Amino acid sequence: MQKPSQPVRPTESDPRKFLAQIGVGRSTSDYKKNANIFVQGASADSVFYIQDGRVKVTVTSEQGKEAIVAILETGQFFGEGCLSGQAHRMATTRTLTDCRLTSIEKDSMFEALENQPAFSKFFMGHLLSRNSRIEGDIIDQLFNSSERRLARLLLLLANYGKEGSPPIAPINLSQEALAEMIGTTRSRVSFFMNKFRKLGWIDYNGTIHVHQSLLNAVLHDKPEIREDEPS
């Protein structure tokens, strides 16, 4: 009879090995594009780590209106609300691409955080990074025009300024999705996208390719992208 697999301790140098290996309370699965991972209201009993791919996080109001609240990518965790006593999922997560995800049961996650300093530090870094992103999003919504919010979102989705300098990525999101994420209308997004394309800041033909010139425009506050009216 085969013995059950035992937890694998992550190395101090690379806690990602812990996430990539099969062990008690931990498994890795492949998901096709546009597959639900968990839905709003489902039981919250595990944390997920994205080994590869991108994931969309949405919430739905009681009136049935859906809003995109985050786009997550390789190297990020989600579903960690269960660690703070959240009994049910507060959002729905769905794959934007083919994905490989590691699921870690809540008890196994607590054990790893308590016994593995390298992994605990790695996870804490994720929480701090997400907190900074949320603060940035709030400031963006409060003080920036919809045009500048769109420029910032495109740069973030394309990986400009990300730690470790990952390769610049094309963006495969609809104008409706972009509008939901910055709190404006699709018509406004369409107007700004056409403007950015004419200025040479992006290429757009279904898939969006963001150029360095958009980052330069935001950093140097080019007149074309200064705040005009909040919207």
C-alpha atoms as a PDB file:
ATOM      1  CA  MET A   1       0.000   0.000   0.000  1.00  0.00           C
ATOM      2  CA  GLN A   2       1.407   3.364  -1.004  1.00  0.00           C
ATOM      3  CA  LYS A   3       2.063   5.760   1.847  1.00  0.00           C
ATOM      4  CA  PRO A   4       0.299   9.159   1.718  1.00  0.00           C
ATOM      5  CA  SER A   5       2.486  11.991   0.511  1.00  0.00           C
ATOM      6  CA  GLN A   6       4.088  14.117   3.188  1.00  0.00           C
ATOM      7  CA  PRO A   7       4.325  17.900   3.281  1.00  0.00           C
ATOM      8  CA  VAL A   8       7.375  19.206   1.475  1.00  0.00           C
ATOM      9  CA  ARG A   9       9.266  21.933   3.296  1.00  0.00           C
ATOM     10  CA  PRO A  10      10.104  24.932   1.132  1.00  0.00           C
ATOM     11  CA  THR A  11      13.726  25.942   0.905  1.00  0.00           C
ATOM     12  CA  GLU A  12      14.784  29.186   2.532  1.00  0.00           C
ATOM     13  CA  SER A  13      15.979  30.454  -0.844  1.00  0.00           C
ATOM     14  CA  ASP A  14      12.885  29.682  -2.917  1.00  0.00           C
ATOM     15  CA  PRO A  15       9.502  29.321  -1.176  1.00  0.00           C
ATOM     16  CA  ARG A  16       7.865  28.913  -4.611  1.00  0.00           C
ATOM     17  CA  LYS A  17       9.039  25.284  -4.573  1.00  0.00           C
ATOM     18  CA  PHE A  18       6.600  24.684  -1.753  1.00  0.00           C
ATOM     19  CA  LEU A  19       3.783  25.984  -3.935  1.00  0.00           C
ATOM     20  CA  ALA A  20       4.799  23.918  -6.964  1.00  0.00           C
ATOM     21  CA  GLN A  21       4.991  20.563  -5.164  1.00  0.00           C
ATOM     22  CA  ILE A  22       2.138  18.239  -4.234  1.00  0.00           C
ATOM     23  CA  GLY A  23       1.632  17.638  -0.521  1.00  0.00           C
ATOM     24  CA  VAL A  24      -0.988  17.206   2.186  1.00  0.00           C
ATOM     25  CA  GLY A  25      -3.648  19.885   1.775  1.00  0.00           C
ATOM     26  CA  ARG A  26      -2.024  21.199  -1.390  1.00  0.00           C
ATOM     27  CA  SER A  27      -2.701  20.437  -5.046  1.00  0.00           C
ATOM     28  CA  THR A  28      -2.030  21.959  -8.468  1.00  0.00           C
ATOM     29  CA  SER A  29      -4.577  21.906 -11.287  1.00  0.00           C
ATOM     30  CA  ASP A  30      -4.883  23.229 -14.833  1.00  0.00           C
ATOM     31  CA  TYR A  31      -7.868  25.376 -15.795  1.00  0.00           C
ATOM     32  CA  LYS A  32      -9.020  26.263 -19.287  1.00  0.00           C
ATOM     33  CA  LYS A  33      -9.694  29.854 -20.307  1.00  0.00           C
ATOM     34  CA  ASN A  34     -13.050  31.264 -19.077  1.00  0.00           C
ATOM     35  CA  ALA A  35     -13.446  28.658 -16.324  1.00  0.00           C
ATOM     36  CA  ASN A  36     -14.846  29.531 -12.903  1.00  0.00           C
ATOM     37  CA  ILE A  37     -12.459  28.825 -10.032  1.00  0.00           C
ATOM     38  CA  PHE A  38     -14.916  29.714  -7.307  1.00  0.00           C
ATOM     39  CA  VAL A  39     -18.110  31.773  -7.253  1.00  0.00           C
ATOM     40  CA  GLN A  40     -19.411  34.472  -4.966  1.00  0.00           C
ATOM     41  CA  GLY A  41     -21.155  32.932  -1.951  1.00  0.00           C
ATOM     42  CA  ALA A  42     -19.344  29.577  -2.127  1.00  0.00           C
ATOM     43  CA  SER A  43     -17.632  28.126   0.931  1.00  0.00           C
ATOM     44  CA  ALA A  44     -14.237  29.731   1.572  1.00  0.00           C
ATOM     45  CA  ASP A  45     -11.810  27.026   2.662  1.00  0.00           C
ATOM     46  CA  SER A  46      -8.614  27.452   0.623  1.00  0.00           C
ATOM     47  CA  VAL A  47      -6.099  29.919  -0.794  1.00  0.00           C
ATOM     48  CA  PHE A  48      -4.993  29.868  -4.438  1.00  0.00           C
ATOM     49  CA  TYR A  49      -1.649  30.719  -6.005  1.00  0.00           C
ATOM     50  CA  ILE A  50      -1.287  31.433  -9.729  1.00  0.00           C
ATOM     51  CA  GLN A  51       1.550  29.366 -11.148  1.00  0.00           C
ATOM     52  CA  ASP A  52       0.784  30.578 -14.658  1.00  0.00           C
ATOM     53  CA  GLY A  53      -1.958  32.640 -16.291  1.00  0.00           C
ATOM     54  CA  ARG A  54      -4.329  35.473 -15.452  1.00  0.00           C
ATOM     55  CA  VAL A  55      -7.485  35.520 -13.326  1.00  0.00           C
ATOM     56  CA  LYS A  56     -10.385  37.981 -13.237  1.00  0.00           C
ATOM     57  CA  VAL A  57     -12.099  38.852  -9.931  1.00  0.00           C
ATOM     58  CA  THR A  58     -15.692  40.123 -10.096  1.00  0.00           C
ATOM     59  CA  VAL A  59     -18.446  40.983  -7.630  1.00  0.00           C
ATOM     60  CA  THR A  60     -22.185  40.994  -8.302  1.00  0.00           C
ATOM     61  CA  SER A  61     -24.650  43.272  -6.499  1.00  0.00           C
ATOM     62  CA  GLU A  62     -28.046  42.172  -5.209  1.00  0.00           C
ATOM     63  CA  GLN A  63     -29.514  43.875  -8.280  1.00  0.00           C
ATOM     64  CA  GLY A  64     -27.390  41.642 -10.525  1.00  0.00           C
ATOM     65  CA  LYS A  65     -24.862  44.262 -11.641  1.00  0.00           C
ATOM     66  CA  GLU A  66     -21.366  42.819 -12.094  1.00  0.00           C
ATOM     67  CA  ALA A  67     -18.127  44.738 -11.657  1.00  0.00           C
ATOM     68  CA  ILE A  68     -14.508  43.728 -12.213  1.00  0.00           C
ATOM     69  CA  VAL A  69     -12.465  44.510  -9.111  1.00  0.00           C
ATOM     70  CA  ALA A  70      -9.088  42.992 -10.012  1.00  0.00           C
ATOM     71  CA  ILE A  71      -7.029  41.234 -12.653  1.00  0.00           C
ATOM     72  CA  LEU A  72      -4.512  38.848 -11.072  1.00  0.00           C
ATOM     73  CA  GLU A  73      -1.517  37.255 -12.746  1.00  0.00           C
ATOM     74  CA  THR A  74       1.315  34.767 -12.339  1.00  0.00           C
ATOM     75  CA  GLY A  75       2.889  34.914  -8.894  1.00  0.00           C
ATOM     76  CA  GLN A  76      -0.158  36.243  -7.034  1.00  0.00           C
ATOM     77  CA  PHE A  77      -2.386  34.716  -4.363  1.00  0.00           C
ATOM     78  CA  PHE A  78      -6.145  35.026  -4.089  1.00  0.00           C
ATOM     79  CA  GLY A  79      -8.883  33.702  -1.838  1.00  0.00           C
ATOM     80  CA  GLU A  80      -6.886  34.552   1.295  1.00  0.00           C
ATOM     81  CA  GLY A  81      -9.995  35.966   2.981  1.00  0.00           C
ATOM     82  CA  CYS A  82     -10.618  32.509   4.441  1.00  0.00           C
ATOM     83  CA  LEU A  83      -7.580  33.032   6.685  1.00  0.00           C
ATOM     84  CA  SER A  84      -9.302  35.938   8.445  1.00  0.00           C
ATOM     85  CA  GLY A  85     -12.497  34.026   9.202  1.00  0.00           C
ATOM     86  CA  GLN A  86     -14.353  34.683   5.948  1.00  0.00           C
ATOM     87  CA  ALA A  87     -16.796  31.773   5.663  1.00  0.00           C
ATOM     88  CA  HIS A  88     -17.993  32.484   2.122  1.00  0.00           C
ATOM     89  CA  ARG A  89     -16.369  33.894  -0.992  1.00  0.00           C
ATOM     90  CA  MET A  90     -16.950  37.613  -1.432  1.00  0.00           C
ATOM     91  CA  ALA A  91     -16.272  37.499  -5.184  1.00  0.00           C
ATOM     92  CA  THR A  92     -16.207  35.242  -8.221  1.00  0.00           C
ATOM     93  CA  THR A  93     -12.895  34.312  -9.841  1.00  0.00           C
ATOM     94  CA  ARG A  94     -12.637  33.258 -13.486  1.00  0.00           C
ATOM     95  CA  THR A  95      -9.666  32.471 -15.698  1.00  0.00           C
ATOM     96  CA  LEU A  96      -8.792  34.973 -18.418  1.00  0.00           C
ATOM     97  CA  THR A  97      -6.278  32.563 -19.967  1.00  0.00           C
ATOM     98  CA  ASP A  98      -5.387  28.911 -19.570  1.00  0.00           C
ATOM     99  CA  CYS A  99      -4.084  28.739 -15.995  1.00  0.00           C
ATOM    100  CA  ARG A 100      -2.150  26.494 -13.650  1.00  0.00           C
ATOM    101  CA  LEU A 101      -3.245  27.102 -10.056  1.00  0.00           C
ATOM    102  CA  THR A 102      -2.125  25.712  -6.720  1.00  0.00           C
ATOM    103  CA  SER A 103      -4.844  25.303  -4.093  1.00  0.00           C
ATOM    104  CA  ILE A 104      -3.787  25.301  -0.438  1.00  0.00           C
ATOM    105  CA  GLU A 105      -6.318  24.275   2.188  1.00  0.00           C
ATOM    106  CA  LYS A 106      -6.755  26.738   5.030  1.00  0.00           C
ATOM    107  CA  ASP A 107      -5.211  24.506   7.725  1.00  0.00           C
ATOM    108  CA  SER A 108      -2.198  23.741   5.514  1.00  0.00           C
ATOM    109  CA  MET A 109      -1.767  27.446   4.817  1.00  0.00           C
ATOM    110  CA  PHE A 110      -1.780  28.259   8.533  1.00  0.00           C
ATOM    111  CA  GLU A 111       0.777  25.499   9.163  1.00  0.00           C
ATOM    112  CA  ALA A 112       3.076  26.782   6.424  1.00  0.00           C
ATOM    113  CA  LEU A 113       2.833  30.368   7.672  1.00  0.00           C
ATOM    114  CA  GLU A 114       3.656  29.273  11.207  1.00  0.00           C
ATOM    115  CA  ASN A 115       6.485  26.843  10.437  1.00  0.00           C
ATOM    116  CA  GLN A 116       8.087  28.205   7.272  1.00  0.00           C
ATOM    117  CA  PRO A 117       9.696  31.644   7.736  1.00  0.00           C
ATOM    118  CA  ALA A 118      10.657  31.962   4.059  1.00  0.00           C
ATOM    119  CA  PHE A 119       7.136  31.183   2.886  1.00  0.00           C
ATOM    120  CA  SER A 120       5.621  33.463   5.530  1.00  0.00           C
ATOM    121  CA  LYS A 121       7.827  36.332   4.332  1.00  0.00           C
ATOM    122  CA  PHE A 122       6.886  35.578   0.727  1.00  0.00           C
ATOM    123  CA  PHE A 123       3.164  35.665   1.522  1.00  0.00           C
ATOM    124  CA  MET A 124       3.515  38.832   3.611  1.00  0.00           C
ATOM    125  CA  GLY A 125       5.154  40.514   0.631  1.00  0.00           C
ATOM    126  CA  HIS A 126       2.102  39.626  -1.443  1.00  0.00           C
ATOM    127  CA  LEU A 127      -0.252  41.141   1.149  1.00  0.00           C
ATOM    128  CA  LEU A 128       1.769  44.365   1.378  1.00  0.00           C
ATOM    129  CA  SER A 129       1.938  44.666  -2.393  1.00  0.00           C
ATOM    130  CA  ARG A 130      -1.810  44.180  -2.747  1.00  0.00           C
ATOM    131  CA  ASN A 131      -2.477  46.726   0.003  1.00  0.00           C
ATOM    132  CA  SER A 132      -0.340  49.289  -1.839  1.00  0.00           C
ATOM    133  CA  ARG A 133      -2.207  48.545  -5.078  1.00  0.00           C
ATOM    134  CA  ILE A 134      -5.584  49.038  -3.365  1.00  0.00           C
ATOM    135  CA  GLU A 135      -4.443  52.351  -1.886  1.00  0.00           C
ATOM    136  CA  GLY A 136      -3.243  53.421  -5.320  1.00  0.00           C
ATOM    137  CA  ASP A 137      -6.595  52.459  -6.866  1.00  0.00           C
ATOM    138  CA  ILE A 138      -8.496  54.506  -4.270  1.00  0.00           C
ATOM    139  CA  ILE A 139      -6.322  57.559  -4.861  1.00  0.00           C
ATOM    140  CA  ASP A 140      -6.711  57.063  -8.599  1.00  0.00           C
ATOM    141  CA  GLN A 141     -10.508  57.025  -8.346  1.00  0.00           C
ATOM    142  CA  LEU A 142     -10.617  60.058  -6.064  1.00  0.00           C
ATOM    143  CA  PHE A 143      -8.220  62.417  -7.786  1.00  0.00           C
ATOM    144  CA  ASN A 144      -7.533  61.384 -11.382  1.00  0.00           C
ATOM    145  CA  SER A 145      -9.583  61.862 -14.530  1.00  0.00           C
ATOM    146  CA  SER A 146     -10.977  58.818 -16.314  1.00  0.00           C
ATOM    147  CA  GLU A 147      -8.362  59.294 -19.065  1.00  0.00           C
ATOM    148  CA  ARG A 148      -5.487  59.116 -16.611  1.00  0.00           C
ATOM    149  CA  ARG A 149      -7.104  56.176 -14.792  1.00  0.00           C
ATOM    150  CA  LEU A 150      -7.264  54.288 -18.080  1.00  0.00           C
ATOM    151  CA  ALA A 151      -3.621  55.055 -18.864  1.00  0.00           C
ATOM    152  CA  ARG A 152      -2.555  53.807 -15.407  1.00  0.00           C
ATOM    153  CA  LEU A 153      -4.646  50.635 -15.742  1.00  0.00           C
ATOM    154  CA  LEU A 154      -3.192  49.817 -19.171  1.00  0.00           C
ATOM    155  CA  LEU A 155       0.346  50.238 -17.852  1.00  0.00           C
ATOM    156  CA  LEU A 156      -0.356  47.973 -14.871  1.00  0.00           C
ATOM    157  CA  LEU A 157      -1.980  45.275 -16.999  1.00  0.00           C
ATOM    158  CA  ALA A 158       0.912  45.385 -19.476  1.00  0.00           C
ATOM    159  CA  ASN A 159       3.452  44.867 -16.630  1.00  0.00           C
ATOM    160  CA  TYR A 160       5.169  48.275 -16.845  1.00  0.00           C
ATOM    161  CA  GLY A 161       6.901  49.007 -13.548  1.00  0.00           C
ATOM    162  CA  LYS A 162       6.344  45.536 -12.084  1.00  0.00           C
ATOM    163  CA  GLU A 163       8.976  44.208  -9.696  1.00  0.00           C
ATOM    164  CA  GLY A 164      11.472  41.958 -11.443  1.00  0.00           C
ATOM    165  CA  SER A 165      10.790  43.562 -14.838  1.00  0.00           C
ATOM    166  CA  PRO A 166       8.549  40.846 -16.327  1.00  0.00           C
ATOM    167  CA  PRO A 167       8.069  40.947 -20.107  1.00  0.00           C
ATOM    168  CA  ILE A 168       5.576  43.499 -21.412  1.00  0.00           C
ATOM    169  CA  ALA A 169       2.309  41.662 -22.002  1.00  0.00           C
ATOM    170  CA  PRO A 170      -0.501  42.250 -24.496  1.00  0.00           C
ATOM    171  CA  ILE A 171      -3.903  43.003 -22.968  1.00  0.00           C
ATOM    172  CA  ASN A 172      -6.946  40.982 -23.981  1.00  0.00           C
ATOM    173  CA  LEU A 173      -9.783  42.807 -22.258  1.00  0.00           C
ATOM    174  CA  SER A 174     -12.857  44.362 -23.805  1.00  0.00           C
ATOM    175  CA  GLN A 175     -13.609  48.061 -23.596  1.00  0.00           C
ATOM    176  CA  GLU A 176     -16.573  47.186 -21.366  1.00  0.00           C
ATOM    177  CA  ALA A 177     -14.239  45.445 -18.917  1.00  0.00           C
ATOM    178  CA  LEU A 178     -11.797  48.369 -18.895  1.00  0.00           C
ATOM    179  CA  ALA A 179     -14.689  50.772 -18.304  1.00  0.00           C
ATOM    180  CA  GLU A 180     -15.892  48.731 -15.320  1.00  0.00           C
ATOM    181  CA  MET A 181     -12.415  48.742 -13.792  1.00  0.00           C
ATOM    182  CA  ILE A 182     -11.958  52.530 -13.941  1.00  0.00           C
ATOM    183  CA  GLY A 183     -15.549  53.515 -13.210  1.00  0.00           C
ATOM    184  CA  THR A 184     -16.572  55.135 -16.478  1.00  0.00           C
ATOM    185  CA  THR A 185     -18.534  54.335 -19.638  1.00  0.00           C
ATOM    186  CA  ARG A 186     -17.517  52.241 -22.616  1.00  0.00           C
ATOM    187  CA  SER A 187     -17.913  55.259 -24.918  1.00  0.00           C
ATOM    188  CA  ARG A 188     -15.367  57.216 -22.856  1.00  0.00           C
ATOM    189  CA  VAL A 189     -12.919  54.302 -22.968  1.00  0.00           C
ATOM    190  CA  SER A 190     -13.390  54.031 -26.737  1.00  0.00           C
ATOM    191  CA  PHE A 191     -12.667  57.745 -27.140  1.00  0.00           C
ATOM    192  CA  PHE A 192      -9.482  57.561 -25.059  1.00  0.00           C
ATOM    193  CA  MET A 193      -8.283  54.356 -26.736  1.00  0.00           C
ATOM    194  CA  ASN A 194      -8.591  55.980 -30.154  1.00  0.00           C
ATOM    195  CA  LYS A 195      -6.760  59.029 -28.839  1.00  0.00           C
ATOM    196  CA  PHE A 196      -3.927  56.929 -27.376  1.00  0.00           C
ATOM    197  CA  ARG A 197      -3.626  55.037 -30.646  1.00  0.00           C
ATOM    198  CA  LYS A 198      -3.408  58.237 -32.712  1.00  0.00           C
ATOM    199  CA  LEU A 199      -0.682  59.523 -30.389  1.00  0.00           C
ATOM    200  CA  GLY A 200       1.271  56.291 -30.894  1.00  0.00           C
ATOM    201  CA  TRP A 201       1.008  55.212 -27.266  1.00  0.00           C
ATOM    202  CA  ILE A 202      -0.787  51.938 -27.992  1.00  0.00           C
ATOM    203  CA  ASP A 203      -1.608  49.595 -30.858  1.00  0.00           C
ATOM    204  CA  TYR A 204      -5.149  48.358 -30.671  1.00  0.00           C
ATOM    205  CA  ASN A 205      -6.906  45.828 -32.859  1.00  0.00           C
ATOM    206  CA  GLY A 206      -8.806  43.649 -30.390  1.00  0.00           C
ATOM    207  CA  THR A 207      -5.567  42.983 -28.473  1.00  0.00           C
ATOM    208  CA  ILE A 208      -3.944  46.014 -26.855  1.00  0.00           C
ATOM    209  CA  HIS A 209      -0.187  46.520 -27.097  1.00  0.00           C
ATOM    210  CA  VAL A 210       1.054  49.265 -24.789  1.00  0.00           C
ATOM    211  CA  HIS A 211       4.191  51.194 -25.728  1.00  0.00           C
ATOM    212  CA  GLN A 212       6.825  52.800 -23.526  1.00  0.00           C
ATOM    213  CA  SER A 213       5.609  56.184 -24.812  1.00  0.00           C
ATOM    214  CA  LEU A 214       2.428  55.871 -22.715  1.00  0.00           C
ATOM    215  CA  LEU A 215       4.522  55.396 -19.583  1.00  0.00           C
ATOM    216  CA  ASN A 216       6.633  58.406 -20.540  1.00  0.00           C
ATOM    217  CA  ALA A 217       3.476  60.478 -21.053  1.00  0.00           C
ATOM    218  CA  VAL A 218       2.150  59.574 -17.597  1.00  0.00           C
ATOM    219  CA  LEU A 219       5.487  60.093 -15.827  1.00  0.00           C
ATOM    220  CA  HIS A 220       6.135  63.445 -17.501  1.00  0.00           C
ATOM    221  CA  ASP A 221       2.530  64.645 -17.369  1.00  0.00           C
ATOM    222  CA  LYS A 222       2.145  65.300 -21.065  1.00  0.00           C
ATOM    223  CA  PRO A 223      -0.600  67.843 -21.835  1.00  0.00           C
ATOM    224  CA  GLU A 224      -2.547  65.230 -23.798  1.00  0.00           C
ATOM    225  CA  ILE A 225      -3.091  63.220 -20.637  1.00  0.00           C
ATOM    226  CA  ARG A 226      -3.402  65.873 -17.961  1.00  0.00           C
ATOM    227  CA  GLU A 227      -6.543  65.925 -15.930  1.00  0.00           C
ATOM    228  CA  ASP A 228      -9.332  67.786 -17.634  1.00  0.00           C
ATOM    229  CA  GLU A 229     -12.585  66.801 -15.999  1.00  0.00           C
ATOM    230  CA  PRO A 230     -13.285  64.096 -13.411  1.00  0.00           C
ATOM    231  CA  SER A 231     -15.501  61.413 -14.905  1.00  0.00           C
END
